[in-house]
Amino acid sequence: MLIMYEKLVEELSNARVRLVAVSKTKPNEQIMHFYDLGQRDFGENKVQDLVKKEASLPKDIRWHFIGHLQTNKVKYIAPFVHLIHAVDNMKLLREIDKQARRHNRIIPCLLQIKIASEATKFGMSLDDAREILRSDEFQQFHNITIAGVMGMATFTMDEIQIRTEFSALREAFNALKEEFFAEDAAFKERSMGMTDDWEIAVEEGSTMVRIGRSLFGERV
């Protein structure tokens, strides 16, 4: 596990890609193992688990919410969440802005773009994202920052398909950057790549990979 982590950190550092260690379902002791090695970015996909871990673990951990977030759960993570990865509709953006305002925070968010062929994957189309960003309502949000895009490739052994999907996310990022964020340095993240496909994601321009199984082992 240590060799894997050090090798992974070195490779990602050379590529200027941030590692989010996906600690979902894992106990605090395992998280602290990587914390003691210098890891600070951890990802969780269940609000209840994230709230419990944040309360008991070091306060300099940067918590990433990487799962499908329900609007009625935003209030629980709004006080501390570092980055919300999977924002896929206006209703959720509205609630994040509302809860961030209550806590006098600006919460960074990623727009989840659907790039996979699987119907079970969440995400919006590029045109959906454009519609949100052009809307008058979006212009009234002052407590969120759109920091980039996120996407999940199809679960497949077909590397050509995976590469094509990650390439589509990179192109979506470039289009949104040019149209809406050309002067906004905060819009810079392309969160794509997990345990089985992170190397392809990095080759296709990922700035942030979400890796769990290679670090923590299989989920229980």
C-alpha atoms as a PDB file:
ATOM      1  CA  MET A   1       0.000   0.000   0.000  1.00  0.00           C
ATOM      2  CA  LEU A   2       2.828   2.409   0.893  1.00  0.00           C
ATOM      3  CA  ILE A   3       4.746   1.641  -2.303  1.00  0.00           C
ATOM      4  CA  MET A   4       1.585   2.123  -4.355  1.00  0.00           C
ATOM      5  CA  TYR A   5       0.845   5.456  -2.693  1.00  0.00           C
ATOM      6  CA  GLU A   6       4.353   6.870  -3.069  1.00  0.00           C
ATOM      7  CA  LYS A   7       4.569   5.769  -6.700  1.00  0.00           C
ATOM      8  CA  LEU A   8       1.138   7.203  -7.457  1.00  0.00           C
ATOM      9  CA  VAL A   9       1.896  10.532  -5.781  1.00  0.00           C
ATOM     10  CA  GLU A  10       5.164  10.831  -7.689  1.00  0.00           C
ATOM     11  CA  GLU A  11       3.553  10.109 -11.053  1.00  0.00           C
ATOM     12  CA  LEU A  12       0.657  12.477 -10.424  1.00  0.00           C
ATOM     13  CA  SER A  13       2.930  15.195  -9.088  1.00  0.00           C
ATOM     14  CA  ASN A  14       5.046  15.020 -12.234  1.00  0.00           C
ATOM     15  CA  ALA A  15       1.859  15.416 -14.287  1.00  0.00           C
ATOM     16  CA  ARG A  16       0.575  18.202 -12.001  1.00  0.00           C
ATOM     17  CA  VAL A  17      -2.520  16.198 -11.136  1.00  0.00           C
ATOM     18  CA  ARG A  18      -4.094  16.217  -7.675  1.00  0.00           C
ATOM     19  CA  LEU A  19      -4.915  12.941  -5.942  1.00  0.00           C
ATOM     20  CA  VAL A  20      -8.240  12.662  -4.135  1.00  0.00           C
ATOM     21  CA  ALA A  21      -8.054   9.554  -1.956  1.00  0.00           C
ATOM     22  CA  VAL A  22     -11.538   8.053  -1.993  1.00  0.00           C
ATOM     23  CA  SER A  23     -12.048   6.987   1.611  1.00  0.00           C
ATOM     24  CA  LYS A  24     -15.732   6.049   1.414  1.00  0.00           C
ATOM     25  CA  THR A  25     -16.650   3.105   3.688  1.00  0.00           C
ATOM     26  CA  LYS A  26     -13.139   3.168   5.176  1.00  0.00           C
ATOM     27  CA  PRO A  27     -12.432   3.676   8.906  1.00  0.00           C
ATOM     28  CA  ASN A  28     -10.669   6.701  10.331  1.00  0.00           C
ATOM     29  CA  GLU A  29      -7.554   4.635  11.072  1.00  0.00           C
ATOM     30  CA  GLN A  30      -6.963   4.003   7.369  1.00  0.00           C
ATOM     31  CA  ILE A  31      -7.549   7.651   6.528  1.00  0.00           C
ATOM     32  CA  MET A  32      -5.024   8.682   9.183  1.00  0.00           C
ATOM     33  CA  HIS A  33      -2.473   6.298   7.674  1.00  0.00           C
ATOM     34  CA  PHE A  34      -2.472   8.340   4.463  1.00  0.00           C
ATOM     35  CA  TYR A  35      -2.858  11.620   6.336  1.00  0.00           C
ATOM     36  CA  ASP A  36       0.382  10.849   8.174  1.00  0.00           C
ATOM     37  CA  LEU A  37       2.048  10.304   4.789  1.00  0.00           C
ATOM     38  CA  GLY A  38       0.990  13.800   3.738  1.00  0.00           C
ATOM     39  CA  GLN A  39      -2.324  13.176   1.969  1.00  0.00           C
ATOM     40  CA  ARG A  40      -4.857  15.955   2.573  1.00  0.00           C
ATOM     41  CA  ASP A  41      -7.540  15.518  -0.124  1.00  0.00           C
ATOM     42  CA  PHE A  42     -10.101  12.821   0.686  1.00  0.00           C
ATOM     43  CA  GLY A  43     -13.362  11.985  -1.084  1.00  0.00           C
ATOM     44  CA  GLU A  44     -16.639  10.731   0.371  1.00  0.00           C
ATOM     45  CA  ASN A  45     -19.943   9.942  -1.328  1.00  0.00           C
ATOM     46  CA  LYS A  46     -22.352   9.749   1.611  1.00  0.00           C
ATOM     47  CA  VAL A  47     -23.233  12.850   3.596  1.00  0.00           C
ATOM     48  CA  GLN A  48     -23.748  11.045   6.899  1.00  0.00           C
ATOM     49  CA  ASP A  49     -20.333   9.382   6.724  1.00  0.00           C
ATOM     50  CA  LEU A  50     -18.627  12.593   5.680  1.00  0.00           C
ATOM     51  CA  VAL A  51     -20.111  14.592   8.552  1.00  0.00           C
ATOM     52  CA  LYS A  52     -18.963  12.001  11.092  1.00  0.00           C
ATOM     53  CA  LYS A  53     -15.447  11.846   9.697  1.00  0.00           C
ATOM     54  CA  GLU A  54     -15.062  15.609   9.483  1.00  0.00           C
ATOM     55  CA  ALA A  55     -16.018  15.936  13.140  1.00  0.00           C
ATOM     56  CA  SER A  56     -13.369  13.496  14.341  1.00  0.00           C
ATOM     57  CA  LEU A  57     -10.435  13.903  11.950  1.00  0.00           C
ATOM     58  CA  PRO A  58      -7.863  16.717  11.529  1.00  0.00           C
ATOM     59  CA  LYS A  59      -9.309  20.031  10.436  1.00  0.00           C
ATOM     60  CA  ASP A  60      -6.783  20.604   7.664  1.00  0.00           C
ATOM     61  CA  ILE A  61      -8.206  17.730   5.627  1.00  0.00           C
ATOM     62  CA  ARG A  62      -9.766  18.957   2.384  1.00  0.00           C
ATOM     63  CA  TRP A  63     -13.029  17.024   2.052  1.00  0.00           C
ATOM     64  CA  HIS A  64     -14.376  16.395  -1.441  1.00  0.00           C
ATOM     65  CA  PHE A  65     -17.977  15.290  -1.873  1.00  0.00           C
ATOM     66  CA  ILE A  66     -17.869  13.026  -4.909  1.00  0.00           C
ATOM     67  CA  GLY A  67     -21.274  11.310  -4.872  1.00  0.00           C
ATOM     68  CA  HIS A  68     -24.722  12.228  -6.102  1.00  0.00           C
ATOM     69  CA  LEU A  69     -25.788  14.987  -3.707  1.00  0.00           C
ATOM     70  CA  GLN A  70     -29.434  15.452  -2.718  1.00  0.00           C
ATOM     71  CA  THR A  71     -30.522  19.041  -2.142  1.00  0.00           C
ATOM     72  CA  ASN A  72     -31.851  18.305   1.339  1.00  0.00           C
ATOM     73  CA  LYS A  73     -28.404  17.088   2.420  1.00  0.00           C
ATOM     74  CA  VAL A  74     -26.396  20.132   1.300  1.00  0.00           C
ATOM     75  CA  LYS A  75     -26.878  21.928   4.631  1.00  0.00           C
ATOM     76  CA  TYR A  76     -24.926  19.268   6.501  1.00  0.00           C
ATOM     77  CA  ILE A  77     -21.718  19.648   4.519  1.00  0.00           C
ATOM     78  CA  ALA A  78     -21.939  23.346   3.617  1.00  0.00           C
ATOM     79  CA  PRO A  79     -19.966  24.500   6.691  1.00  0.00           C
ATOM     80  CA  PHE A  80     -16.784  22.678   5.695  1.00  0.00           C
ATOM     81  CA  VAL A  81     -16.800  20.918   2.307  1.00  0.00           C
ATOM     82  CA  HIS A  82     -13.789  21.827   0.157  1.00  0.00           C
ATOM     83  CA  LEU A  83     -15.192  20.899  -3.262  1.00  0.00           C
ATOM     84  CA  ILE A  84     -18.458  19.411  -4.526  1.00  0.00           C
ATOM     85  CA  HIS A  85     -17.679  17.316  -7.600  1.00  0.00           C
ATOM     86  CA  ALA A  86     -21.008  16.238  -9.012  1.00  0.00           C
ATOM     87  CA  VAL A  87     -23.342  19.201  -9.561  1.00  0.00           C
ATOM     88  CA  ASP A  88     -25.725  18.251 -12.347  1.00  0.00           C
ATOM     89  CA  ASN A  89     -28.717  20.594 -12.124  1.00  0.00           C
ATOM     90  CA  MET A  90     -29.811  24.129 -11.304  1.00  0.00           C
ATOM     91  CA  LYS A  91     -31.825  23.096  -8.248  1.00  0.00           C
ATOM     92  CA  LEU A  92     -28.700  21.752  -6.577  1.00  0.00           C
ATOM     93  CA  LEU A  93     -26.663  24.850  -7.446  1.00  0.00           C
ATOM     94  CA  ARG A  94     -29.413  27.001  -5.968  1.00  0.00           C
ATOM     95  CA  GLU A  95     -29.317  25.098  -2.688  1.00  0.00           C
ATOM     96  CA  ILE A  96     -25.530  25.104  -2.465  1.00  0.00           C
ATOM     97  CA  ASP A  97     -25.500  28.877  -2.938  1.00  0.00           C
ATOM     98  CA  LYS A  98     -28.204  29.275  -0.284  1.00  0.00           C
ATOM     99  CA  GLN A  99     -26.413  27.144   2.296  1.00  0.00           C
ATOM    100  CA  ALA A 100     -23.010  28.664   1.520  1.00  0.00           C
ATOM    101  CA  ARG A 101     -24.491  32.117   2.111  1.00  0.00           C
ATOM    102  CA  ARG A 102     -25.777  31.018   5.510  1.00  0.00           C
ATOM    103  CA  HIS A 103     -22.262  30.086   6.522  1.00  0.00           C
ATOM    104  CA  ASN A 104     -20.612  33.090   4.881  1.00  0.00           C
ATOM    105  CA  ARG A 105     -18.676  30.815   2.528  1.00  0.00           C
ATOM    106  CA  ILE A 106     -18.029  30.509  -1.186  1.00  0.00           C
ATOM    107  CA  ILE A 107     -18.203  26.813  -2.096  1.00  0.00           C
ATOM    108  CA  PRO A 108     -16.350  25.587  -5.194  1.00  0.00           C
ATOM    109  CA  CYS A 109     -18.341  23.221  -7.414  1.00  0.00           C
ATOM    110  CA  LEU A 110     -17.727  21.137 -10.512  1.00  0.00           C
ATOM    111  CA  LEU A 111     -20.333  20.673 -13.205  1.00  0.00           C
ATOM    112  CA  GLN A 112     -20.836  16.965 -13.843  1.00  0.00           C
ATOM    113  CA  ILE A 113     -20.954  16.334 -17.568  1.00  0.00           C
ATOM    114  CA  LYS A 114     -22.369  12.996 -18.728  1.00  0.00           C
ATOM    115  CA  ILE A 115     -19.763  11.374 -20.932  1.00  0.00           C
ATOM    116  CA  ALA A 116     -20.493   7.680 -20.307  1.00  0.00           C
ATOM    117  CA  SER A 117     -22.823   5.535 -22.368  1.00  0.00           C
ATOM    118  CA  GLU A 118     -24.266   3.922 -19.230  1.00  0.00           C
ATOM    119  CA  ALA A 119     -27.752   5.099 -18.329  1.00  0.00           C
ATOM    120  CA  THR A 120     -26.957   4.758 -14.626  1.00  0.00           C
ATOM    121  CA  LYS A 121     -24.348   7.527 -14.736  1.00  0.00           C
ATOM    122  CA  PHE A 122     -25.503  10.992 -13.672  1.00  0.00           C
ATOM    123  CA  GLY A 123     -24.576  14.245 -15.382  1.00  0.00           C
ATOM    124  CA  MET A 124     -25.775  16.999 -17.656  1.00  0.00           C
ATOM    125  CA  SER A 125     -25.113  17.604 -21.309  1.00  0.00           C
ATOM    126  CA  LEU A 126     -22.849  20.396 -22.492  1.00  0.00           C
ATOM    127  CA  ASP A 127     -25.936  22.256 -23.713  1.00  0.00           C
ATOM    128  CA  ASP A 128     -27.538  21.881 -20.273  1.00  0.00           C
ATOM    129  CA  ALA A 129     -24.437  23.431 -18.722  1.00  0.00           C
ATOM    130  CA  ARG A 130     -24.536  26.313 -21.180  1.00  0.00           C
ATOM    131  CA  GLU A 131     -28.205  26.940 -20.381  1.00  0.00           C
ATOM    132  CA  ILE A 132     -27.467  27.138 -16.664  1.00  0.00           C
ATOM    133  CA  LEU A 133     -24.472  29.429 -17.088  1.00  0.00           C
ATOM    134  CA  ARG A 134     -26.387  31.786 -19.390  1.00  0.00           C
ATOM    135  CA  SER A 135     -29.386  32.048 -17.076  1.00  0.00           C
ATOM    136  CA  ASP A 136     -30.279  35.168 -15.134  1.00  0.00           C
ATOM    137  CA  GLU A 137     -30.646  33.061 -12.002  1.00  0.00           C
ATOM    138  CA  PHE A 138     -27.074  31.815 -12.175  1.00  0.00           C
ATOM    139  CA  GLN A 139     -25.817  35.387 -12.339  1.00  0.00           C
ATOM    140  CA  GLN A 140     -27.417  35.992  -8.929  1.00  0.00           C
ATOM    141  CA  PHE A 141     -25.384  33.254  -7.221  1.00  0.00           C
ATOM    142  CA  HIS A 142     -22.580  34.863  -5.220  1.00  0.00           C
ATOM    143  CA  ASN A 143     -21.625  32.065  -2.835  1.00  0.00           C
ATOM    144  CA  ILE A 144     -20.521  29.398  -5.302  1.00  0.00           C
ATOM    145  CA  THR A 145     -17.606  29.181  -7.688  1.00  0.00           C
ATOM    146  CA  ILE A 146     -17.655  26.940 -10.734  1.00  0.00           C
ATOM    147  CA  ALA A 147     -14.175  25.463 -10.571  1.00  0.00           C
ATOM    148  CA  GLY A 148     -14.392  23.158 -13.578  1.00  0.00           C
ATOM    149  CA  VAL A 149     -16.018  19.942 -14.733  1.00  0.00           C
ATOM    150  CA  MET A 150     -16.240  16.331 -13.619  1.00  0.00           C
ATOM    151  CA  GLY A 151     -17.041  13.171 -15.510  1.00  0.00           C
ATOM    152  CA  MET A 152     -17.127   9.394 -15.169  1.00  0.00           C
ATOM    153  CA  ALA A 153     -16.244   7.105 -18.035  1.00  0.00           C
ATOM    154  CA  THR A 154     -18.153   3.961 -18.903  1.00  0.00           C
ATOM    155  CA  PHE A 155     -17.177   0.890 -16.872  1.00  0.00           C
ATOM    156  CA  THR A 156     -15.604  -1.080 -19.682  1.00  0.00           C
ATOM    157  CA  MET A 157     -12.353  -2.741 -20.727  1.00  0.00           C
ATOM    158  CA  ASP A 158     -12.483  -0.854 -24.039  1.00  0.00           C
ATOM    159  CA  GLU A 159      -9.676   1.680 -23.646  1.00  0.00           C
ATOM    160  CA  ILE A 160     -10.589   3.411 -26.896  1.00  0.00           C
ATOM    161  CA  GLN A 161     -14.077   4.155 -25.572  1.00  0.00           C
ATOM    162  CA  ILE A 162     -12.704   5.379 -22.237  1.00  0.00           C
ATOM    163  CA  ARG A 163     -10.228   7.652 -24.001  1.00  0.00           C
ATOM    164  CA  THR A 164     -12.945   9.007 -26.280  1.00  0.00           C
ATOM    165  CA  GLU A 165     -15.157   9.824 -23.303  1.00  0.00           C
ATOM    166  CA  PHE A 166     -12.386  11.563 -21.368  1.00  0.00           C
ATOM    167  CA  SER A 167     -11.488  13.491 -24.498  1.00  0.00           C
ATOM    168  CA  ALA A 168     -15.122  14.617 -24.714  1.00  0.00           C
ATOM    169  CA  LEU A 169     -14.907  15.952 -21.169  1.00  0.00           C
ATOM    170  CA  ARG A 170     -11.740  17.852 -21.983  1.00  0.00           C
ATOM    171  CA  GLU A 171     -13.461  19.361 -25.016  1.00  0.00           C
ATOM    172  CA  ALA A 172     -16.481  20.307 -22.896  1.00  0.00           C
ATOM    173  CA  PHE A 173     -14.157  22.008 -20.421  1.00  0.00           C
ATOM    174  CA  ASN A 174     -12.440  23.933 -23.201  1.00  0.00           C
ATOM    175  CA  ALA A 175     -15.759  25.049 -24.673  1.00  0.00           C
ATOM    176  CA  LEU A 176     -17.077  26.298 -21.330  1.00  0.00           C
ATOM    177  CA  LYS A 177     -13.769  27.961 -20.526  1.00  0.00           C
ATOM    178  CA  GLU A 178     -13.814  29.873 -23.803  1.00  0.00           C
ATOM    179  CA  GLU A 179     -17.494  30.836 -23.623  1.00  0.00           C
ATOM    180  CA  PHE A 180     -17.938  31.659 -19.938  1.00  0.00           C
ATOM    181  CA  PHE A 181     -14.693  31.575 -17.948  1.00  0.00           C
ATOM    182  CA  ALA A 182     -11.979  32.925 -20.210  1.00  0.00           C
ATOM    183  CA  GLU A 183     -10.957  35.486 -17.577  1.00  0.00           C
ATOM    184  CA  ASP A 184     -11.687  33.285 -14.555  1.00  0.00           C
ATOM    185  CA  ALA A 185      -8.592  31.529 -13.218  1.00  0.00           C
ATOM    186  CA  ALA A 186     -10.737  29.530 -10.773  1.00  0.00           C
ATOM    187  CA  PHE A 187     -12.249  27.508 -13.637  1.00  0.00           C
ATOM    188  CA  LYS A 188      -9.383  25.064 -14.081  1.00  0.00           C
ATOM    189  CA  GLU A 189     -10.311  21.567 -12.875  1.00  0.00           C
ATOM    190  CA  ARG A 190     -11.050  18.470 -14.907  1.00  0.00           C
ATOM    191  CA  SER A 191     -11.944  15.790 -12.365  1.00  0.00           C
ATOM    192  CA  MET A 192     -11.753  12.508 -14.227  1.00  0.00           C
ATOM    193  CA  GLY A 193     -10.098   9.176 -13.675  1.00  0.00           C
ATOM    194  CA  MET A 194     -10.436   6.475 -11.026  1.00  0.00           C
ATOM    195  CA  THR A 195      -8.531   3.326 -10.055  1.00  0.00           C
ATOM    196  CA  ASP A 196      -9.046   1.486 -13.347  1.00  0.00           C
ATOM    197  CA  ASP A 197      -8.672   4.369 -15.795  1.00  0.00           C
ATOM    198  CA  TRP A 198      -6.679   7.176 -14.157  1.00  0.00           C
ATOM    199  CA  GLU A 199      -3.675   6.791 -16.458  1.00  0.00           C
ATOM    200  CA  ILE A 200      -5.830   7.348 -19.534  1.00  0.00           C
ATOM    201  CA  ALA A 201      -7.533  10.268 -17.791  1.00  0.00           C
ATOM    202  CA  VAL A 202      -4.192  11.929 -17.073  1.00  0.00           C
ATOM    203  CA  GLU A 203      -3.143  11.495 -20.695  1.00  0.00           C
ATOM    204  CA  GLU A 204      -6.415  13.180 -21.717  1.00  0.00           C
ATOM    205  CA  GLY A 205      -5.900  16.200 -19.479  1.00  0.00           C
ATOM    206  CA  SER A 206      -7.222  15.335 -16.031  1.00  0.00           C
ATOM    207  CA  THR A 207      -6.187  17.700 -13.236  1.00  0.00           C
ATOM    208  CA  MET A 208      -7.701  15.611 -10.440  1.00  0.00           C
ATOM    209  CA  VAL A 209      -8.126  11.842 -10.074  1.00  0.00           C
ATOM    210  CA  ARG A 210     -10.355  10.058  -7.557  1.00  0.00           C
ATOM    211  CA  ILE A 211      -8.706   6.833  -6.424  1.00  0.00           C
ATOM    212  CA  GLY A 212      -9.911   4.495  -3.701  1.00  0.00           C
ATOM    213  CA  ARG A 213      -9.456   0.786  -4.323  1.00  0.00           C
ATOM    214  CA  SER A 214      -5.773   0.974  -5.252  1.00  0.00           C
ATOM    215  CA  LEU A 215      -5.067   2.713  -1.965  1.00  0.00           C
ATOM    216  CA  PHE A 216      -7.545   1.309   0.522  1.00  0.00           C
ATOM    217  CA  GLY A 217      -8.347  -2.063  -0.978  1.00  0.00           C
ATOM    218  CA  GLU A 218     -11.758  -3.418  -1.906  1.00  0.00           C
ATOM    219  CA  ARG A 219     -14.847  -1.928  -0.307  1.00  0.00           C
ATOM    220  CA  VAL A 220     -16.473  -4.008   2.417  1.00  0.00           C
END
